[in-house]
Amino acid sequence: MLVAAVLIVGLAHNAERTAPRQLRALVTEYDQPRGALEAMLVAGDGQVFAALARDPSLSHPEVFRYGRFDAAYRAQRPLLGYLSWALSGGDPGRVAMAMAVLAVLGAGLATGTLAGFLTRPWLALLIVPSPAGLAVLYSLTPELLALGLALVGLLAWRRDNRYLAVACFTLAGLGRESMLLVTAACAVVELVGRRRPPAVLVIPFATWLGWVALAHARFGESLWPLRAQGDVGAPFVEMFRQLERWKAMDVLTVVLAGAAAIAVAVAVRRHRDGLLPWVGVAFAALATLLGASIWAEWFNSARLLLPLYAAGLGAVYGREPM
């Protein structure tokens, strides 16, 4: 947590120093950020979670610059917004600070839990200064927190505490819907073991879909088809289209993801009942389908692939069974 706190302080200082005074933010409330933490929010998607924290009743879609569908789409990940609202005591001026605190706590939960999977626990700290960790901490988004919850769920599932596991999987999915792949990985492991996946694994998916239906209805948007705003596409197509625009961090993000994908593939062949390697396989498969809006900026791709990095570490330095 100390590493994450230090990184946030440094990133906040840089954001305040470099951010323009007039910004066309995704939400109108942050056109003119006040202070370093709000400048960090505007640097990425943190601002949309902050908008939800400032409006927990989902009454003001007009603050989303790109319309009601964008508001409903952003509301599909409610966990960070509601936690920030609760931690800030409903004070809009304290939302950014609440999100910074949750980012630090999420980093602590993710690294602490990942350490339980590794033979060299200190290596879990590498998640924080990785491209994914930096992307999360720079814009104060929920991926580290969601990863931590998902990893707690995996440990609970391995120890047959299925109700705790499902509760954590559900919260992780409400943090970011891609984390539902962790639940899917558990179902795959059950199938590989020639067992019928327990019915409780439906709960995280049903809960998320129920929330999405509620959010879309609240904002007056139809649920189906559930568009992804360019988040997905044909395998590898959008990644190759973006190659000429990539900078060093984009390349590093992809190289690390590729190395992790190879590691988890080897781990799955060696230990077919390992939970964490199958999580890595799921996110490696997802990486091939990412669309233009994800590959256009390393901030987006790194955040989404955070579980793949964690699984890669587990594949190389993991305890058995994982």
Foldseek 3Di string as FASTA:
>chain_A
DVVLLVLLVVLLVVLVVPPDQAQPAQFQVLRGPDGSLSSLQRVDVNVLLLVCLLPVVLPCQVRGPVDLLVNLVSQLQNLLSVQLNVVQVNDSVCSSVSLLVLLVVLQVLLLVLLLVFFPRSVCSNVLCPALQNSLCSSNSACLSNLNSLQSVLVVCVVVVVNVSNLVSLLNSCSSPVLSLVLLVLLCQLCVVVVHHPDPSSCVSVVSSVVSSCVSCVSSVHDPPPPDDVFFWAAFQPLLVVQVVVDDPSLVSLVVLLVLLLVLLVVLCVVPVNASLSSSLPSLNVRLRTTGNVQSNDSSRVSNSCSSSNSSSNSSVGGDPRD
